[in-house]
Amino acid sequence: LGDPDGDNLDRMLWPVASSAGDLLSTKHHRNVRQCAGEGCDLLFVDRSGGSPRKWCSMRACGNKVKSLRHYHRSIKPEKERREERFREKGWAAFGPPRGRGS
């Protein structure tokens, strides 16, 4: 990157390069992920416990994906949605299984 006393661009990039070097030299380098948002190239450190994060930010990329998914579900006719739920659960088209004595 050059000398930190060089031109303005070098001076602006020096802290970024230094931070990246610090991050990559720790155990957290295994948690660096690329955002799964369409058209997003951001990297982030995933510090979630159980399941790994998919997006750099829920506000930005995560919300877009979830909103689109909801929109596409809501425009299907109710009958199609009901049949789809039954197929996902392995139920017959006439409804959920009934317990004994029903």
PDB file of N, CA and C in Angstrom:
ATOM      1  N   LEU A   1       0.812  -1.211   0.000  1.00  0.00           N
ATOM      2  CA  LEU A   1       0.000   0.000   0.000  1.00  0.00           C
ATOM      3  C   LEU A   1       0.842   1.256   0.000  1.00  0.00           C
ATOM      4  N   GLY A   2       2.026   1.125   0.373  1.00  0.00           N
ATOM      5  CA  GLY A   2       2.892   2.307   0.386  1.00  0.00           C
ATOM      6  C   GLY A   2       3.050   2.877   1.774  1.00  0.00           C
ATOM      7  N   ASP A   3       3.758   3.943   1.818  1.00  0.00           N
ATOM      8  CA  ASP A   3       4.061   4.621   3.066  1.00  0.00           C
ATOM      9  C   ASP A   3       2.810   5.340   3.577  1.00  0.00           C
ATOM     10  N   PRO A   4       2.466   5.203   4.888  1.00  0.00           N
ATOM     11  CA  PRO A   4       1.296   5.910   5.407  1.00  0.00           C
ATOM     12  C   PRO A   4       1.431   7.430   5.332  1.00  0.00           C
ATOM     13  N   ASP A   5       2.628   7.935   5.066  1.00  0.00           N
ATOM     14  CA  ASP A   5       2.816   9.380   4.914  1.00  0.00           C
ATOM     15  C   ASP A   5       2.686   9.807   3.455  1.00  0.00           C
ATOM     16  N   GLY A   6       2.261   8.880   2.573  1.00  0.00           N
ATOM     17  CA  GLY A   6       2.155   9.168   1.137  1.00  0.00           C
ATOM     18  C   GLY A   6       0.949  10.038   0.827  1.00  0.00           C
ATOM     19  N   ASP A   7       0.385   9.840  -0.366  1.00  0.00           N
ATOM     20  CA  ASP A   7      -0.740  10.687  -0.780  1.00  0.00           C
ATOM     21  C   ASP A   7      -2.010  10.377   0.024  1.00  0.00           C
ATOM     22  N   ASN A   8      -3.062  11.150  -0.204  1.00  0.00           N
ATOM     23  CA  ASN A   8      -4.298  11.045   0.578  1.00  0.00           C
ATOM     24  C   ASN A   8      -4.952   9.675   0.493  1.00  0.00           C
ATOM     25  N   LEU A   9      -4.961   9.070  -0.690  1.00  0.00           N
ATOM     26  CA  LEU A   9      -5.594   7.760  -0.848  1.00  0.00           C
ATOM     27  C   LEU A   9      -4.874   6.718   0.006  1.00  0.00           C
ATOM     28  N   ASP A  10      -3.547   6.730  -0.030  1.00  0.00           N
ATOM     29  CA  ASP A  10      -2.786   5.799   0.801  1.00  0.00           C
ATOM     30  C   ASP A  10      -3.098   6.009   2.277  1.00  0.00           C
ATOM     31  N   ARG A  11      -3.189   7.260   2.692  1.00  0.00           N
ATOM     32  CA  ARG A  11      -3.481   7.550   4.098  1.00  0.00           C
ATOM     33  C   ARG A  11      -4.869   7.061   4.489  1.00  0.00           C
ATOM     34  N   MET A  12      -5.828   7.148   3.579  1.00  0.00           N
ATOM     35  CA  MET A  12      -7.181   6.679   3.890  1.00  0.00           C
ATOM     36  C   MET A  12      -7.237   5.155   3.944  1.00  0.00           C
ATOM     37  N   LEU A  13      -6.478   4.472   3.097  1.00  0.00           N
ATOM     38  CA  LEU A  13      -6.523   3.014   3.040  1.00  0.00           C
ATOM     39  C   LEU A  13      -5.676   2.336   4.116  1.00  0.00           C
ATOM     40  N   TRP A  14      -4.725   3.045   4.672  1.00  0.00           N
ATOM     41  CA  TRP A  14      -3.838   2.437   5.640  1.00  0.00           C
ATOM     42  C   TRP A  14      -4.581   1.847   6.842  1.00  0.00           C
ATOM     43  N   PRO A  15      -5.538   2.550   7.481  1.00  0.00           N
ATOM     44  CA  PRO A  15      -6.263   1.952   8.614  1.00  0.00           C
ATOM     45  C   PRO A  15      -7.070   0.710   8.211  1.00  0.00           C
ATOM     46  N   VAL A  16      -7.610   0.714   7.001  1.00  0.00           N
ATOM     47  CA  VAL A  16      -8.381  -0.439   6.524  1.00  0.00           C
ATOM     48  C   VAL A  16      -7.462  -1.649   6.371  1.00  0.00           C
ATOM     49  N   ALA A  17      -6.334  -1.450   5.735  1.00  0.00           N
ATOM     50  CA  ALA A  17      -5.380  -2.552   5.544  1.00  0.00           C
ATOM     51  C   ALA A  17      -4.846  -3.042   6.885  1.00  0.00           C
ATOM     52  N   SER A  18      -4.585  -2.137   7.786  1.00  0.00           N
ATOM     53  CA  SER A  18      -4.086  -2.516   9.104  1.00  0.00           C
ATOM     54  C   SER A  18      -5.128  -3.334   9.864  1.00  0.00           C
ATOM     55  N   SER A  19      -6.386  -2.906   9.831  1.00  0.00           N
ATOM     56  CA  SER A  19      -7.466  -3.642  10.507  1.00  0.00           C
ATOM     57  C   SER A  19      -7.663  -5.019   9.889  1.00  0.00           C
ATOM     58  N   ALA A  20      -7.607  -5.098   8.558  1.00  0.00           N
ATOM     59  CA  ALA A  20      -7.760  -6.390   7.879  1.00  0.00           C
ATOM     60  C   ALA A  20      -6.623  -7.327   8.290  1.00  0.00           C
ATOM     61  N   GLY A  21      -5.419  -6.818   8.360  1.00  0.00           N
ATOM     62  CA  GLY A  21      -4.285  -7.631   8.800  1.00  0.00           C
ATOM     63  C   GLY A  21      -4.458  -8.121  10.224  1.00  0.00           C
ATOM     64  N   ASP A  22      -4.937  -7.233  11.103  1.00  0.00           N
ATOM     65  CA  ASP A  22      -5.181  -7.627  12.497  1.00  0.00           C
ATOM     66  C   ASP A  22      -6.235  -8.730  12.569  1.00  0.00           C
ATOM     67  N   LEU A  23      -7.316  -8.571  11.821  1.00  0.00           N
ATOM     68  CA  LEU A  23      -8.405  -9.554  11.823  1.00  0.00           C
ATOM     69  C   LEU A  23      -7.926 -10.904  11.301  1.00  0.00           C
ATOM     70  N   LEU A  24      -7.209 -10.894  10.195  1.00  0.00           N
ATOM     71  CA  LEU A  24      -6.776 -12.141   9.575  1.00  0.00           C
ATOM     72  C   LEU A  24      -5.707 -12.870  10.381  1.00  0.00           C
ATOM     73  N   SER A  25      -5.108 -12.188  11.341  1.00  0.00           N
ATOM     74  CA  SER A  25      -4.085 -12.839  12.163  1.00  0.00           C
ATOM     75  C   SER A  25      -4.659 -13.352  13.477  1.00  0.00           C
ATOM     76  N   THR A  26      -5.981 -13.321  13.650  1.00  0.00           N
ATOM     77  CA  THR A  26      -6.624 -13.831  14.866  1.00  0.00           C
ATOM     78  C   THR A  26      -7.463 -15.055  14.522  1.00  0.00           C
ATOM     79  N   LYS A  27      -8.045 -15.659  15.550  1.00  0.00           N
ATOM     80  CA  LYS A  27      -8.904 -16.826  15.331  1.00  0.00           C
ATOM     81  C   LYS A  27     -10.225 -16.437  14.644  1.00  0.00           C
ATOM     82  N   HIS A  28     -10.561 -15.167  14.636  1.00  0.00           N
ATOM     83  CA  HIS A  28     -11.819 -14.718  14.042  1.00  0.00           C
ATOM     84  C   HIS A  28     -11.807 -14.754  12.513  1.00  0.00           C
ATOM     85  N   HIS A  29     -10.644 -15.001  11.907  1.00  0.00           N
ATOM     86  CA  HIS A  29     -10.596 -15.028  10.443  1.00  0.00           C
ATOM     87  C   HIS A  29     -11.487 -16.132   9.880  1.00  0.00           C
ATOM     88  N   ARG A  30     -11.767 -17.177  10.683  1.00  0.00           N
ATOM     89  CA  ARG A  30     -12.655 -18.261  10.220  1.00  0.00           C
ATOM     90  C   ARG A  30     -14.109 -17.808  10.154  1.00  0.00           C
ATOM     91  N   ASN A  31     -14.435 -16.720  10.824  1.00  0.00           N
ATOM     92  CA  ASN A  31     -15.814 -16.238  10.866  1.00  0.00           C
ATOM     93  C   ASN A  31     -16.095 -15.139   9.847  1.00  0.00           C
ATOM     94  N   VAL A  32     -15.150 -14.852   8.974  1.00  0.00           N
ATOM     95  CA  VAL A  32     -15.368 -13.832   7.950  1.00  0.00           C
ATOM     96  C   VAL A  32     -16.235 -14.457   6.855  1.00  0.00           C
ATOM     97  N   ARG A  33     -17.338 -13.809   6.539  1.00  0.00           N
ATOM     98  CA  ARG A  33     -18.282 -14.322   5.550  1.00  0.00           C
ATOM     99  C   ARG A  33     -18.582 -13.230   4.517  1.00  0.00           C
ATOM    100  N   GLN A  34     -19.021 -13.668   3.352  1.00  0.00           N
ATOM    101  CA  GLN A  34     -19.484 -12.726   2.331  1.00  0.00           C
ATOM    102  C   GLN A  34     -21.000 -12.711   2.372  1.00  0.00           C
ATOM    103  N   CYS A  35     -21.576 -11.543   2.267  1.00  0.00           N
ATOM    104  CA  CYS A  35     -23.022 -11.373   2.307  1.00  0.00           C
ATOM    105  C   CYS A  35     -23.672 -12.148   1.163  1.00  0.00           C
ATOM    106  N   ALA A  36     -24.804 -12.803   1.463  1.00  0.00           N
ATOM    107  CA  ALA A  36     -25.544 -13.577   0.466  1.00  0.00           C
ATOM    108  C   ALA A  36     -26.555 -12.716  -0.283  1.00  0.00           C
ATOM    109  N   GLY A  37     -26.620 -11.430   0.030  1.00  0.00           N
ATOM    110  CA  GLY A  37     -27.549 -10.536  -0.656  1.00  0.00           C
ATOM    111  C   GLY A  37     -27.168 -10.359  -2.120  1.00  0.00           C
ATOM    112  N   GLU A  38     -28.181 -10.350  -2.971  1.00  0.00           N
ATOM    113  CA  GLU A  38     -27.928 -10.204  -4.406  1.00  0.00           C
ATOM    114  C   GLU A  38     -27.271  -8.859  -4.691  1.00  0.00           C
ATOM    115  N   GLY A  39     -26.108  -8.904  -5.317  1.00  0.00           N
ATOM    116  CA  GLY A  39     -25.395  -7.690  -5.668  1.00  0.00           C
ATOM    117  C   GLY A  39     -24.577  -7.082  -4.534  1.00  0.00           C
ATOM    118  N   CYS A  40     -24.566  -7.730  -3.370  1.00  0.00           N
ATOM    119  CA  CYS A  40     -23.806  -7.203  -2.230  1.00  0.00           C
ATOM    120  C   CYS A  40     -22.482  -7.955  -2.121  1.00  0.00           C
ATOM    121  N   ASP A  41     -21.388  -7.223  -2.072  1.00  0.00           N
ATOM    122  CA  ASP A  41     -20.063  -7.828  -1.979  1.00  0.00           C
ATOM    123  C   ASP A  41     -19.414  -7.594  -0.619  1.00  0.00           C
ATOM    124  N   LEU A  42     -20.204  -7.152   0.365  1.00  0.00           N
ATOM    125  CA  LEU A  42     -19.629  -6.836   1.670  1.00  0.00           C
ATOM    126  C   LEU A  42     -19.203  -8.095   2.412  1.00  0.00           C
ATOM    127  N   LEU A  43     -18.165  -7.949   3.212  1.00  0.00           N
ATOM    128  CA  LEU A  43     -17.708  -9.002   4.100  1.00  0.00           C
ATOM    129  C   LEU A  43     -18.072  -8.599   5.526  1.00  0.00           C
ATOM    130  N   PHE A  44     -18.319  -9.600   6.374  1.00  0.00           N
ATOM    131  CA  PHE A  44     -18.628  -9.312   7.769  1.00  0.00           C
ATOM    132  C   PHE A  44     -18.094 -10.427   8.642  1.00  0.00           C
ATOM    133  N   VAL A  45     -17.924 -10.145   9.919  1.00  0.00           N
ATOM    134  CA  VAL A  45     -17.493 -11.154  10.880  1.00  0.00           C
ATOM    135  C   VAL A  45     -18.754 -11.702  11.539  1.00  0.00           C
ATOM    136  N   ASP A  46     -18.978 -13.002  11.365  1.00  0.00           N
ATOM    137  CA  ASP A  46     -20.165 -13.661  11.912  1.00  0.00           C
ATOM    138  C   ASP A  46     -19.880 -14.074  13.340  1.00  0.00           C
ATOM    139  N   ARG A  47     -20.501 -13.399  14.277  1.00  0.00           N
ATOM    140  CA  ARG A  47     -20.311 -13.709  15.697  1.00  0.00           C
ATOM    141  C   ARG A  47     -21.555 -14.343  16.290  1.00  0.00           C
ATOM    142  N   SER A  48     -22.469 -14.822  15.426  1.00  0.00           N
ATOM    143  CA  SER A  48     -23.680 -15.468  15.919  1.00  0.00           C
ATOM    144  C   SER A  48     -23.324 -16.835  16.490  1.00  0.00           C
ATOM    145  N   GLY A  49     -24.138 -17.299  17.364  1.00  0.00           N
ATOM    146  CA  GLY A  49     -23.847 -18.561  18.036  1.00  0.00           C
ATOM    147  C   GLY A  49     -24.217 -19.786  17.217  1.00  0.00           C
ATOM    148  N   GLY A  50     -25.500 -20.062  17.101  1.00  0.00           N
ATOM    149  CA  GLY A  50     -25.947 -21.305  16.481  1.00  0.00           C
ATOM    150  C   GLY A  50     -25.798 -21.350  14.981  1.00  0.00           C
ATOM    151  N   SER A  51     -26.780 -20.843  14.302  1.00  0.00           N
ATOM    152  CA  SER A  51     -26.735 -20.897  12.836  1.00  0.00           C
ATOM    153  C   SER A  51     -26.016 -19.674  12.289  1.00  0.00           C
ATOM    154  N   PRO A  52     -25.243 -19.867  11.233  1.00  0.00           N
ATOM    155  CA  PRO A  52     -24.461 -18.746  10.685  1.00  0.00           C
ATOM    156  C   PRO A  52     -25.341 -17.686  10.025  1.00  0.00           C
ATOM    157  N   ARG A  53     -24.914 -16.450  10.147  1.00  0.00           N
ATOM    158  CA  ARG A  53     -25.617 -15.342   9.478  1.00  0.00           C
ATOM    159  C   ARG A  53     -25.439 -15.465   7.983  1.00  0.00           C
ATOM    160  N   LYS A  54     -26.401 -14.920   7.243  1.00  0.00           N
ATOM    161  CA  LYS A  54     -26.325 -14.929   5.789  1.00  0.00           C
ATOM    162  C   LYS A  54     -26.026 -13.553   5.224  1.00  0.00           C
ATOM    163  N   TRP A  55     -26.451 -12.524   5.940  1.00  0.00           N
ATOM    164  CA  TRP A  55     -26.386 -11.178   5.385  1.00  0.00           C
ATOM    165  C   TRP A  55     -25.503 -10.264   6.217  1.00  0.00           C
ATOM    166  N   CYS A  56     -24.970  -9.253   5.547  1.00  0.00           N
ATOM    167  CA  CYS A  56     -24.140  -8.269   6.234  1.00  0.00           C
ATOM    168  C   CYS A  56     -24.975  -7.524   7.269  1.00  0.00           C
ATOM    169  N   SER A  57     -26.234  -7.284   6.935  1.00  0.00           N
ATOM    170  CA  SER A  57     -27.125  -6.546   7.818  1.00  0.00           C
ATOM    171  C   SER A  57     -28.559  -6.972   7.548  1.00  0.00           C
ATOM    172  N   MET A  58     -29.322  -7.188   8.599  1.00  0.00           N
ATOM    173  CA  MET A  58     -30.725  -7.525   8.429  1.00  0.00           C
ATOM    174  C   MET A  58     -31.469  -6.334   7.833  1.00  0.00           C
ATOM    175  N   ARG A  59     -31.074  -5.126   8.206  1.00  0.00           N
ATOM    176  CA  ARG A  59     -31.735  -3.921   7.690  1.00  0.00           C
ATOM    177  C   ARG A  59     -31.573  -3.771   6.189  1.00  0.00           C
ATOM    178  N   ALA A  60     -30.410  -4.100   5.693  1.00  0.00           N
ATOM    179  CA  ALA A  60     -30.130  -3.902   4.269  1.00  0.00           C
ATOM    180  C   ALA A  60     -30.528  -5.144   3.472  1.00  0.00           C
ATOM    181  N   CYS A  61     -29.674  -6.105   3.423  1.00  0.00           N
ATOM    182  CA  CYS A  61     -29.855  -7.259   2.542  1.00  0.00           C
ATOM    183  C   CYS A  61     -30.891  -8.259   3.047  1.00  0.00           C
ATOM    184  N   GLY A  62     -30.870  -8.560   4.331  1.00  0.00           N
ATOM    185  CA  GLY A  62     -31.807  -9.547   4.880  1.00  0.00           C
ATOM    186  C   GLY A  62     -33.248  -9.137   4.695  1.00  0.00           C
ATOM    187  N   ASN A  63     -33.561  -7.891   4.928  1.00  0.00           N
ATOM    188  CA  ASN A  63     -34.919  -7.412   4.786  1.00  0.00           C
ATOM    189  C   ASN A  63     -35.395  -7.504   3.340  1.00  0.00           C
ATOM    190  N   LYS A  64     -34.528  -7.198   2.397  1.00  0.00           N
ATOM    191  CA  LYS A  64     -34.908  -7.285   0.979  1.00  0.00           C
ATOM    192  C   LYS A  64     -35.299  -8.706   0.620  1.00  0.00           C
ATOM    193  N   VAL A  65     -34.485  -9.671   1.026  1.00  0.00           N
ATOM    194  CA  VAL A  65     -34.750 -11.072   0.692  1.00  0.00           C
ATOM    195  C   VAL A  65     -36.048 -11.540   1.348  1.00  0.00           C
ATOM    196  N   LYS A  66     -36.205 -11.243   2.624  1.00  0.00           N
ATOM    197  CA  LYS A  66     -37.404 -11.695   3.329  1.00  0.00           C
ATOM    198  C   LYS A  66     -38.667 -11.004   2.813  1.00  0.00           C
ATOM    199  N   SER A  67     -38.562  -9.742   2.450  1.00  0.00           N
ATOM    200  CA  SER A  67     -39.724  -9.028   1.904  1.00  0.00           C
ATOM    201  C   SER A  67     -40.150  -9.616   0.566  1.00  0.00           C
ATOM    202  N   LEU A  68     -39.173  -9.904  -0.294  1.00  0.00           N
ATOM    203  CA  LEU A  68     -39.496 -10.522  -1.582  1.00  0.00           C
ATOM    204  C   LEU A  68     -40.128 -11.890  -1.404  1.00  0.00           C
ATOM    205  N   ARG A  69     -39.598 -12.676  -0.491  1.00  0.00           N
ATOM    206  CA  ARG A  69     -40.156 -14.007  -0.224  1.00  0.00           C
ATOM    207  C   ARG A  69     -41.610 -13.882   0.247  1.00  0.00           C
ATOM    208  N   HIS A  70     -41.865 -12.952   1.158  1.00  0.00           N
ATOM    209  CA  HIS A  70     -43.228 -12.735   1.654  1.00  0.00           C
ATOM    210  C   HIS A  70     -44.152 -12.285   0.522  1.00  0.00           C
ATOM    211  N   TYR A  71     -43.680 -11.375  -0.305  1.00  0.00           N
ATOM    212  CA  TYR A  71     -44.489 -10.887  -1.421  1.00  0.00           C
ATOM    213  C   TYR A  71     -44.889 -12.032  -2.350  1.00  0.00           C
ATOM    214  N   HIS A  72     -43.916 -12.869  -2.707  1.00  0.00           N
ATOM    215  CA  HIS A  72     -44.213 -13.964  -3.629  1.00  0.00           C
ATOM    216  C   HIS A  72     -45.154 -14.985  -3.003  1.00  0.00           C
ATOM    217  N   ARG A  73     -45.060 -15.182  -1.696  1.00  0.00           N
ATOM    218  CA  ARG A  73     -46.003 -16.089  -1.025  1.00  0.00           C
ATOM    219  C   ARG A  73     -47.404 -15.484  -1.005  1.00  0.00           C
ATOM    220  N   SER A  74     -47.496 -14.194  -0.813  1.00  0.00           N
ATOM    221  CA  SER A  74     -48.808 -13.562  -0.646  1.00  0.00           C
ATOM    222  C   SER A  74     -49.581 -13.431  -1.953  1.00  0.00           C
ATOM    223  N   ILE A  75     -48.913 -13.523  -3.096  1.00  0.00           N
ATOM    224  CA  ILE A  75     -49.648 -13.378  -4.356  1.00  0.00           C
ATOM    225  C   ILE A  75     -50.175 -14.711  -4.879  1.00  0.00           C
ATOM    226  N   LYS A  76     -49.799 -15.827  -4.249  1.00  0.00           N
ATOM    227  CA  LYS A  76     -50.342 -17.122  -4.652  1.00  0.00           C
ATOM    228  C   LYS A  76     -51.774 -17.252  -4.133  1.00  0.00           C
ATOM    229  N   PRO A  77     -52.628 -17.910  -4.881  1.00  0.00           N
ATOM    230  CA  PRO A  77     -53.984 -18.146  -4.377  1.00  0.00           C
ATOM    231  C   PRO A  77     -53.942 -19.002  -3.107  1.00  0.00           C
ATOM    232  N   GLU A  78     -54.910 -18.821  -2.235  1.00  0.00           N
ATOM    233  CA  GLU A  78     -54.959 -19.528  -0.951  1.00  0.00           C
ATOM    234  C   GLU A  78     -54.929 -21.038  -1.147  1.00  0.00           C
ATOM    235  N   LYS A  79     -55.644 -21.558  -2.124  1.00  0.00           N
ATOM    236  CA  LYS A  79     -55.682 -23.004  -2.348  1.00  0.00           C
ATOM    237  C   LYS A  79     -54.279 -23.536  -2.646  1.00  0.00           C
ATOM    238  N   GLU A  80     -53.522 -22.825  -3.478  1.00  0.00           N
ATOM    239  CA  GLU A  80     -52.145 -23.251  -3.797  1.00  0.00           C
ATOM    240  C   GLU A  80     -51.272 -23.247  -2.550  1.00  0.00           C
ATOM    241  N   ARG A  81     -51.405 -22.206  -1.720  1.00  0.00           N
ATOM    242  CA  ARG A  81     -50.599 -22.132  -0.497  1.00  0.00           C
ATOM    243  C   ARG A  81     -50.934 -23.278   0.442  1.00  0.00           C
ATOM    244  N   ARG A  82     -52.234 -23.581   0.591  1.00  0.00           N
ATOM    245  CA  ARG A  82     -52.657 -24.657   1.478  1.00  0.00           C
ATOM    246  C   ARG A  82     -52.118 -25.997   0.978  1.00  0.00           C
ATOM    247  N   GLU A  83     -52.228 -26.254  -0.330  1.00  0.00           N
ATOM    248  CA  GLU A  83     -51.722 -27.502  -0.899  1.00  0.00           C
ATOM    249  C   GLU A  83     -50.206 -27.604  -0.748  1.00  0.00           C
ATOM    250  N   GLU A  84     -49.525 -26.479  -0.903  1.00  0.00           N
ATOM    251  CA  GLU A  84     -48.078 -26.464  -0.744  1.00  0.00           C
ATOM    252  C   GLU A  84     -47.692 -26.809   0.694  1.00  0.00           C
ATOM    253  N   ARG A  85     -48.401 -26.252   1.674  1.00  0.00           N
ATOM    254  CA  ARG A  85     -48.125 -26.566   3.080  1.00  0.00           C
ATOM    255  C   ARG A  85     -48.343 -28.050   3.359  1.00  0.00           C
ATOM    256  N   PHE A  86     -49.424 -28.607   2.817  1.00  0.00           N
ATOM    257  CA  PHE A  86     -49.695 -30.026   3.015  1.00  0.00           C
ATOM    258  C   PHE A  86     -48.584 -30.884   2.428  1.00  0.00           C
ATOM    259  N   ARG A  87     -48.118 -30.527   1.220  1.00  0.00           N
ATOM    260  CA  ARG A  87     -47.024 -31.295   0.594  1.00  0.00           C
ATOM    261  C   ARG A  87     -45.751 -31.208   1.419  1.00  0.00           C
ATOM    262  N   GLU A  88     -45.445 -30.011   1.931  1.00  0.00           N
ATOM    263  CA  GLU A  88     -44.231 -29.829   2.740  1.00  0.00           C
ATOM    264  C   GLU A  88     -44.270 -30.697   3.997  1.00  0.00           C
ATOM    265  N   LYS A  89     -45.457 -30.853   4.582  1.00  0.00           N
ATOM    266  CA  LYS A  89     -45.592 -31.630   5.814  1.00  0.00           C
ATOM    267  C   LYS A  89     -45.841 -33.109   5.541  1.00  0.00           C
ATOM    268  N   GLY A  90     -46.014 -33.474   4.267  1.00  0.00           N
ATOM    269  CA  GLY A  90     -46.245 -34.865   3.919  1.00  0.00           C
ATOM    270  C   GLY A  90     -47.676 -35.306   4.164  1.00  0.00           C
ATOM    271  N   TRP A  91     -48.608 -34.359   4.249  1.00  0.00           N
ATOM    272  CA  TRP A  91     -49.998 -34.698   4.492  1.00  0.00           C
ATOM    273  C   TRP A  91     -50.713 -34.934   3.171  1.00  0.00           C
ATOM    274  N   ALA A  92     -51.815 -35.659   3.240  1.00  0.00           N
ATOM    275  CA  ALA A  92     -52.654 -35.856   2.058  1.00  0.00           C
ATOM    276  C   ALA A  92     -53.385 -34.556   1.758  1.00  0.00           C
ATOM    277  N   ALA A  93     -53.921 -34.441   0.560  1.00  0.00           N
ATOM    278  CA  ALA A  93     -54.579 -33.204   0.137  1.00  0.00           C
ATOM    279  C   ALA A  93     -55.822 -32.891   0.937  1.00  0.00           C
ATOM    280  N   PHE A  94     -56.402 -33.880   1.642  1.00  0.00           N
ATOM    281  CA  PHE A  94     -57.632 -33.633   2.382  1.00  0.00           C
ATOM    282  C   PHE A  94     -57.388 -33.094   3.779  1.00  0.00           C
ATOM    283  N   GLY A  95     -56.141 -32.955   4.203  1.00  0.00           N
ATOM    284  CA  GLY A  95     -55.880 -32.298   5.480  1.00  0.00           C
ATOM    285  C   GLY A  95     -54.919 -33.050   6.361  1.00  0.00           C
ATOM    286  N   PRO A  96     -54.646 -32.508   7.554  1.00  0.00           N
ATOM    287  CA  PRO A  96     -53.674 -33.120   8.458  1.00  0.00           C
ATOM    288  C   PRO A  96     -54.217 -34.420   9.039  1.00  0.00           C
ATOM    289  N   PRO A  97     -53.316 -35.300   9.478  1.00  0.00           N
ATOM    290  CA  PRO A  97     -53.774 -36.562  10.068  1.00  0.00           C
ATOM    291  C   PRO A  97     -54.521 -36.286  11.369  1.00  0.00           C
ATOM    292  N   ARG A  98     -55.480 -37.127  11.646  1.00  0.00           N
ATOM    293  CA  ARG A  98     -56.268 -36.971  12.869  1.00  0.00           C
ATOM    294  C   ARG A  98     -55.751 -37.943  13.919  1.00  0.00           C
ATOM    295  N   GLY A  99     -55.800 -37.536  15.165  1.00  0.00           N
ATOM    296  CA  GLY A  99     -55.350 -38.400  16.262  1.00  0.00           C
ATOM    297  C   GLY A  99     -56.351 -39.505  16.530  1.00  0.00           C
ATOM    298  N   ARG A 100     -55.991 -40.424  17.399  1.00  0.00           N
ATOM    299  CA  ARG A 100     -56.899 -41.527  17.754  1.00  0.00           C
ATOM    300  C   ARG A 100     -58.101 -40.971  18.495  1.00  0.00           C
ATOM    301  N   GLY A 101     -59.232 -41.562  18.205  1.00  0.00           N
ATOM    302  CA  GLY A 101     -60.453 -41.151  18.893  1.00  0.00           C
ATOM    303  C   GLY A 101     -61.094 -39.926  18.278  1.00  0.00           C
ATOM    304  N   SER A 102     -60.578 -39.433  17.164  1.00  0.00           N
ATOM    305  CA  SER A 102     -61.159 -38.236  16.539  1.00  0.00           C
ATOM    306  C   SER A 102     -62.287 -38.607  15.627  1.00  0.00           C
TER     307      SER A 102
END
